[in-house]
Protein backbone atom coordinates (compact mmCIF):
# COMPACT_ATOMS: atom_id res chain seq x y z
CA MET A 1 -14.66 -17.68 17.56
CA ASN A 2 -17.68 -19.38 15.92
CA VAL A 3 -17.68 -16.78 13.14
CA ALA A 4 -13.96 -17.35 12.47
CA PHE A 5 -14.50 -21.14 12.46
CA SER A 6 -17.39 -20.78 10.00
CA ILE A 7 -15.33 -18.60 7.67
CA ALA A 8 -12.49 -21.14 7.82
CA ARG A 9 -14.94 -23.93 6.97
CA ILE A 10 -16.26 -21.98 3.97
CA PHE A 11 -12.70 -21.40 2.73
CA THR A 12 -11.91 -25.08 3.18
CA VAL A 13 -14.99 -26.25 1.27
CA PHE A 14 -14.45 -23.98 -1.72
CA ALA A 15 -10.66 -24.01 -1.77
CA GLY A 16 -10.46 -27.18 -3.85
CA ASP A 17 -6.80 -28.10 -4.05
CA GLY A 18 -5.90 -24.74 -2.48
CA ARG A 19 -4.00 -23.34 -5.43
CA TRP A 20 -6.51 -20.56 -6.11
CA LEU A 21 -6.11 -19.35 -2.53
CA LEU A 22 -2.35 -19.38 -2.94
CA ARG A 23 -2.72 -17.44 -6.19
CA MET A 24 -4.94 -14.96 -4.38
CA SER A 25 -2.28 -14.59 -1.68
CA ALA A 26 0.38 -14.01 -4.32
CA ALA A 27 -1.80 -11.42 -6.07
CA CYS A 28 -2.40 -9.62 -2.75
CA LEU A 29 1.34 -9.52 -2.05
CA LEU A 30 2.05 -8.21 -5.54
CA GLY A 31 -0.72 -5.61 -5.33
CA GLY A 32 0.28 -4.61 -1.80
CA GLY A 33 3.89 -4.22 -2.88
CA LEU A 34 2.95 -1.98 -5.81
CA PHE A 35 0.70 0.10 -3.52
CA VAL A 36 3.49 0.59 -0.96
CA LEU A 37 5.98 1.40 -3.72
CA LEU A 38 3.73 4.02 -5.31
CA LEU A 39 2.74 5.50 -1.95
CA GLY A 40 6.38 5.77 -0.93
CA ALA A 41 7.29 7.38 -4.25
CA SER A 42 4.53 9.97 -3.71
CA GLY A 43 6.17 11.08 -0.46
CA ARG A 44 2.99 10.58 1.54
CA PHE A 45 2.38 8.79 4.81
CA LEU A 46 -0.64 6.65 5.59
CA PRO A 47 -3.27 8.30 7.84
CA HIS A 48 -2.45 6.10 10.83
CA ASP A 49 1.28 6.91 10.44
CA GLU A 50 0.50 10.62 10.68
CA ALA A 51 -1.87 10.02 13.58
CA PHE A 52 0.86 8.10 15.41
CA LEU A 53 3.45 10.82 14.77
CA GLY A 54 1.09 13.70 15.38
CA MET A 55 2.47 15.41 12.29
CA THR A 56 2.09 15.11 8.52
CA ALA A 57 4.74 14.18 5.96
CA ARG A 58 4.68 17.78 4.74
CA GLU A 59 5.40 19.09 8.24
CA LEU A 60 8.24 16.59 8.71
CA CYS A 61 9.60 17.45 5.28
CA ALA A 62 10.04 21.06 6.38
CA LEU A 63 12.72 19.93 8.86
CA HIS A 64 16.37 19.11 8.07
CA GLY A 65 15.95 19.71 4.35
CA CYS A 66 13.35 16.92 4.07
CA ARG A 67 16.14 14.35 4.52
CA ILE A 68 14.23 12.40 7.19
CA VAL A 69 11.21 11.99 4.90
CA HIS A 70 13.49 11.06 1.99
CA PHE A 71 15.15 8.42 4.15
CA MET A 72 11.76 6.95 5.05
CA ILE A 73 10.72 7.03 1.39
CA HIS A 74 13.77 5.03 0.32
CA ASP A 75 12.96 2.35 2.92
CA ARG A 76 9.30 2.16 1.93
CA VAL A 77 9.92 2.04 -1.82
CA SER A 78 12.48 -0.73 -1.27
CA PHE A 79 9.99 -2.63 0.91
CA GLY A 80 7.31 -2.33 -1.79
CA GLY A 81 9.66 -3.75 -4.42
CA ALA A 82 10.62 -6.68 -2.19
CA LEU A 83 6.96 -7.43 -1.41
CA ALA A 84 6.08 -7.39 -5.12
CA ALA A 85 9.00 -9.76 -5.81
CA VAL A 86 7.64 -12.20 -3.21
CA GLY A 87 4.23 -12.11 -4.88
CA LEU A 88 5.73 -12.86 -8.31
CA LEU A 89 7.71 -15.83 -6.99
CA TYR A 90 4.71 -17.22 -5.10
CA TRP A 91 2.53 -16.96 -8.23
CA TRP A 92 5.08 -18.89 -10.31
CA LEU A 93 5.55 -21.53 -7.61
CA THR A 94 1.78 -22.07 -7.41
CA ASP A 95 1.03 -21.95 -11.12
CA SER A 96 3.95 -24.03 -12.38
CA PRO A 97 5.76 -26.57 -10.17
CA LEU A 98 2.96 -26.95 -7.59
CA ARG A 99 0.40 -27.40 -10.36
CA ARG A 100 2.52 -30.24 -11.73
CA GLY A 101 2.67 -31.92 -8.33
CA GLN A 102 6.26 -31.10 -7.42
CA ALA A 103 6.51 -31.37 -3.64
CA TRP A 104 9.44 -29.00 -3.24
CA ALA A 105 7.24 -26.06 -4.33
CA TRP A 106 4.81 -26.72 -1.45
CA TRP A 107 7.62 -26.95 1.09
CA LEU A 108 9.19 -23.77 -0.26
CA LEU A 109 5.92 -21.86 0.01
CA ALA A 110 5.55 -23.09 3.59
CA LEU A 111 9.16 -22.21 4.49
CA SER A 112 9.27 -18.80 2.85
CA GLY A 113 5.76 -17.94 4.02
CA GLY A 114 6.72 -18.88 7.56
CA VAL A 115 9.69 -16.51 7.39
CA GLY A 116 7.52 -13.70 6.03
CA PHE A 117 4.62 -14.00 8.46
CA THR A 118 6.87 -14.58 11.46
CA SER A 119 8.85 -11.43 10.68
CA PHE A 120 5.67 -9.44 11.40
CA PHE A 121 6.44 -9.70 15.10
CA ALA A 122 9.76 -7.93 14.53
CA TYR A 123 7.79 -4.81 13.63
CA LEU A 124 6.66 -4.60 17.26
CA GLY A 125 10.21 -4.37 18.61
CA TYR A 126 10.00 -0.62 19.11
CA GLY A 127 6.36 -0.50 20.15
CA TYR A 128 4.65 0.63 16.94
CA LEU A 129 1.74 -1.49 15.74
CA ASP A 130 0.90 -0.61 12.15
CA THR A 131 -2.85 -1.31 12.19
CA TRP A 132 -3.22 -1.43 8.41
CA HIS A 133 -0.28 -3.79 8.13
CA GLY A 134 -1.65 -5.86 10.99
CA PHE A 135 -5.12 -6.23 9.48
CA ALA A 136 -3.63 -7.03 6.06
CA THR A 137 -1.46 -9.74 7.63
CA LEU A 138 -4.35 -11.19 9.63
CA GLY A 139 -6.50 -11.21 6.49
CA LEU A 140 -3.85 -12.81 4.31
CA LEU A 141 -2.64 -15.43 6.80
CA PRO A 142 -5.79 -17.65 6.81
CA CYS A 143 -6.02 -17.43 3.02
CA PHE A 144 -2.40 -18.54 2.65
CA ALA A 145 -2.55 -21.14 5.43
CA ILE A 146 -5.78 -22.78 4.20
CA GLY A 147 -4.43 -22.77 0.64
CA LEU A 148 -1.34 -24.59 1.88
CA MET A 149 -3.39 -27.11 3.86
CA GLN A 150 -5.57 -27.90 0.86
CA ALA A 151 -2.52 -28.27 -1.40
CA ARG A 152 -0.44 -30.15 1.17
CA PRO A 153 1.67 -33.13 0.09
CA THR A 154 0.04 -36.53 -0.08
CA PRO A 155 1.72 -39.50 1.63
CA THR A 156 3.46 -40.31 -1.64
CA TRP A 157 5.19 -36.95 -1.71
CA LYS A 158 8.69 -36.47 -0.37
CA GLY A 159 9.33 -34.51 2.80
CA VAL A 160 11.15 -31.22 3.25
CA SER A 161 14.41 -32.92 2.22
CA CYS A 162 13.27 -32.55 -1.39
CA LEU A 163 14.43 -28.92 -1.16
CA LEU A 164 18.00 -30.20 -1.04
CA GLN A 165 17.73 -32.00 -4.38
CA PRO A 166 18.75 -29.90 -7.42
CA SER A 167 16.61 -29.96 -10.53
CA VAL A 168 19.60 -30.29 -12.86
CA ARG A 169 23.19 -31.41 -12.49
CA SER A 170 24.84 -29.44 -15.26
CA SER A 171 28.51 -28.50 -15.11
CA TRP A 172 29.24 -25.47 -12.96
CA LYS A 173 31.86 -24.50 -15.58
CA SER A 174 29.28 -24.04 -18.33
CA ALA A 175 27.57 -20.71 -18.99
CA ALA A 176 24.33 -22.06 -17.55
CA GLY A 177 26.15 -23.40 -14.49
CA ILE A 178 27.96 -20.12 -13.84
CA GLY A 179 24.72 -18.21 -14.31
CA ARG A 180 22.98 -20.50 -11.85
CA ALA A 181 25.80 -20.02 -9.36
CA PHE A 182 25.45 -16.23 -9.67
CA LEU A 183 21.69 -16.44 -9.07
CA LEU A 184 22.13 -18.72 -6.06
CA GLY A 185 24.87 -16.51 -4.64
CA THR A 186 22.64 -13.47 -4.99
CA ALA A 187 19.79 -15.27 -3.24
CA VAL A 188 22.02 -16.26 -0.33
CA GLY A 189 23.21 -12.66 -0.14
CA LEU A 190 19.60 -11.48 0.03
CA VAL A 191 18.90 -13.81 2.96
CA GLY A 192 21.94 -12.50 4.80
CA GLY A 193 21.20 -8.89 3.92
CA GLY A 194 17.56 -9.23 4.93
CA MET A 195 18.49 -10.74 8.28
CA THR A 196 20.97 -7.93 8.87
CA ILE A 197 18.39 -5.22 8.09
CA LEU A 198 15.83 -7.01 10.26
CA ILE A 199 18.20 -7.19 13.24
CA VAL A 200 19.27 -3.57 12.78
CA GLY A 201 15.63 -2.53 12.66
CA MET A 202 14.93 -4.36 15.91
CA THR A 203 17.99 -3.00 17.73
CA CYS A 204 19.97 0.12 16.79
CA VAL A 205 17.66 0.99 13.82
CA PHE A 206 20.32 3.04 11.99
CA VAL A 207 23.79 2.50 10.60
CA PRO A 208 26.23 5.47 10.59
CA GLN A 209 25.58 6.20 6.89
CA ASP A 210 21.84 6.62 7.59
CA LEU A 211 22.42 9.28 10.23
CA ALA A 212 25.01 11.02 8.06
CA PHE A 213 22.52 11.22 5.19
CA MET A 214 19.78 12.68 7.42
CA GLY A 215 22.24 14.98 9.15
CA VAL A 216 20.88 14.19 12.63
CA SER A 217 21.71 11.99 15.59
CA VAL A 218 19.38 9.49 17.24
CA GLU A 219 19.05 11.85 20.20
CA GLU A 220 17.98 14.68 17.89
CA LEU A 221 15.37 12.42 16.29
CA HIS A 222 13.98 11.56 19.73
CA ALA A 223 13.90 15.25 20.64
CA LEU A 224 12.19 16.11 17.37
CA ASN A 225 9.47 13.51 17.86
CA PRO A 226 9.73 10.60 20.34
CA ARG A 227 7.60 8.43 18.02
CA LEU A 228 9.73 8.95 14.94
CA VAL A 229 12.34 6.27 15.65
CA PRO A 230 9.72 3.56 16.42
CA LEU A 231 8.02 4.31 13.06
CA ILE A 232 11.31 4.12 11.17
CA ALA A 233 12.24 0.92 13.06
CA HIS A 234 8.95 -0.60 11.89
CA ASP A 235 9.79 0.25 8.28
CA ARG A 236 13.30 -1.17 8.55
CA ALA A 237 12.22 -4.43 10.19
CA GLY A 238 9.46 -4.90 7.64
CA PHE A 239 11.84 -4.33 4.76
CA GLY A 240 14.39 -6.75 6.21
CA GLY A 241 11.78 -9.47 6.66
CA ALA A 242 10.58 -9.06 3.06
CA VAL A 243 14.13 -9.22 1.66
CA CYS A 244 14.86 -12.36 3.67
CA CYS A 245 11.62 -13.91 2.42
CA VAL A 246 12.57 -13.13 -1.19
CA GLY A 247 16.02 -14.61 -0.71
CA VAL A 248 14.67 -17.91 0.64
CA ALA A 249 12.09 -18.25 -2.15
CA LEU A 250 14.58 -17.26 -4.85
CA CYS A 251 17.32 -19.61 -3.65
CA PHE A 252 15.23 -22.77 -3.75
CA ALA A 253 13.29 -21.73 -6.86
CA VAL A 254 16.62 -21.59 -8.74
CA TRP A 255 17.99 -24.73 -7.05
CA CYS A 256 14.91 -26.93 -7.40
CA GLY A 257 13.08 -25.34 -10.32
CA THR A 258 13.29 -26.91 -13.77
CA PRO A 259 15.00 -24.47 -16.17
CA SER A 260 12.30 -23.00 -18.40
CA ARG A 261 11.09 -19.86 -20.12
CA GLY A 262 8.54 -19.29 -17.38
CA LEU A 263 11.16 -19.45 -14.64
CA TRP A 264 13.54 -17.14 -16.49
CA TRP A 265 10.87 -14.49 -17.14
CA THR A 266 9.73 -14.73 -13.53
CA LEU A 267 13.29 -14.20 -12.32
CA LEU A 268 13.61 -11.20 -14.64
CA LEU A 269 10.44 -9.60 -13.24
CA VAL A 270 11.56 -10.38 -9.69
CA GLY A 271 14.87 -8.64 -10.36
CA ILE A 272 13.18 -5.60 -11.87
CA ALA A 273 10.82 -5.29 -8.91
CA GLY A 274 13.33 -6.00 -6.16
CA PHE A 275 16.58 -4.48 -7.38
CA GLY A 276 14.86 -1.81 -9.45
CA ALA A 277 13.12 -0.43 -6.37
CA GLY A 278 15.90 -1.19 -3.87
CA VAL A 279 18.73 0.34 -5.90
CA GLY A 280 16.70 2.98 -7.73
CA ALA A 281 15.27 4.49 -4.54
CA HIS A 282 18.72 5.64 -3.39
CA PRO A 283 19.70 8.05 -6.20
CA ALA A 284 16.07 9.21 -6.35
CA VAL A 285 16.37 10.67 -2.84
CA GLY A 286 20.07 11.51 -3.04
CA TYR A 287 21.24 8.73 -0.71
CA ASP A 288 24.30 7.77 -2.73
CA ASP A 289 26.83 6.74 -0.08
CA PRO A 290 29.11 4.20 -1.85
CA MET A 291 29.51 1.92 1.19
CA HIS A 292 25.77 1.81 1.79
CA LEU A 293 24.95 1.18 -1.87
CA ALA A 294 27.71 -1.36 -2.56
CA PRO A 295 25.86 -4.55 -1.41
CA ALA A 296 22.70 -3.70 -3.37
CA VAL A 297 24.62 -2.73 -6.52
CA LEU A 298 26.80 -5.85 -6.29
CA GLY A 299 23.68 -7.97 -5.88
CA ALA A 300 22.07 -6.34 -8.92
CA ILE A 301 25.20 -6.96 -11.00
CA THR A 302 25.56 -10.63 -10.04
CA TYR A 303 21.83 -11.20 -10.51
CA SER A 304 21.90 -9.59 -13.97
CA ALA A 305 24.94 -11.66 -14.92
CA GLY A 306 23.15 -14.79 -13.74
CA LEU A 307 20.12 -14.00 -15.88
CA ILE A 308 22.22 -13.28 -18.95
CA LEU A 309 24.33 -16.44 -18.63
CA SER A 310 21.35 -18.71 -17.90
CA ASN A 311 19.10 -17.26 -20.61
CA ARG A 312 20.08 -19.59 -23.42
CA GLY A 313 19.80 -22.75 -21.36
CA MET A 314 16.45 -21.83 -19.85
CA MET A 315 14.94 -20.73 -23.17
CA LYS A 316 16.13 -23.90 -24.93
CA ASP A 317 15.61 -26.61 -22.34
CA ASN A 318 12.31 -27.84 -20.89
CA ASP A 319 10.35 -25.28 -22.84
CA HIS A 320 7.09 -26.98 -21.81
CA ALA A 321 7.72 -26.33 -18.13
CA ARG A 322 6.19 -22.89 -17.81
């Protein structure tokens, strides 16, 4: 306890206004997301995953035409993209609106971060504790929390209600207004979709399309390896939590953020990371069920339309607000 207190004191002394710790947290999320994405694309499992299962990815791939491994890959690649998207949004929030003293950015980091870190407990719903994920979360939490405390609002700042105040009041009938509506609608859809995936991961784990793709039933998965479903449930819950976290951050970044080049380019990179991985993982493994893909494809289309329609306004207006 004394060691932990001393480390916290050191962080507090050198954190300054806390923004460098928040940048570090964002960089860790971005790096972690890219690592998970690349690891998933390689078709490999982490050592502790294989130790928990008692079998390697290669051994599992030899069963049922490798469909079970492919299903797990599509979840993990999607999770990596969502995690990278969170990191990109957090970096922009810290380096742009928070740097300029805009209170809503602090409250959004606290809200979205709370959703992300709290969702860690959902991973335990089926009894699998991912030790690497656990240590990474425990290492990142104090860095993020101390950064927030050091950058917390002063008494002159507004409270959490500032998240309800839009940055602009342009006509919803204009191209910029329609584009903004598309981006906000996509963000709300991500929150709902993330919550759905999170709840499914904590309860039934699979939807009918998942089992049809793998060509097995839940009972057959249990018979194959009783630890397989808990591992997949962990992946699903983690992915759902990350998507929900992205949706919350994206929604208020668009609603409260001043239109600018920096915001538009950040949104573009977020879309490439999130939708690129989430949608692209499906055809890569052959999981092309139309009903399963429809929400993700619709989200990618509305998000792309939002970016296209809002481009001119964001590039022209408030160019100094990076």
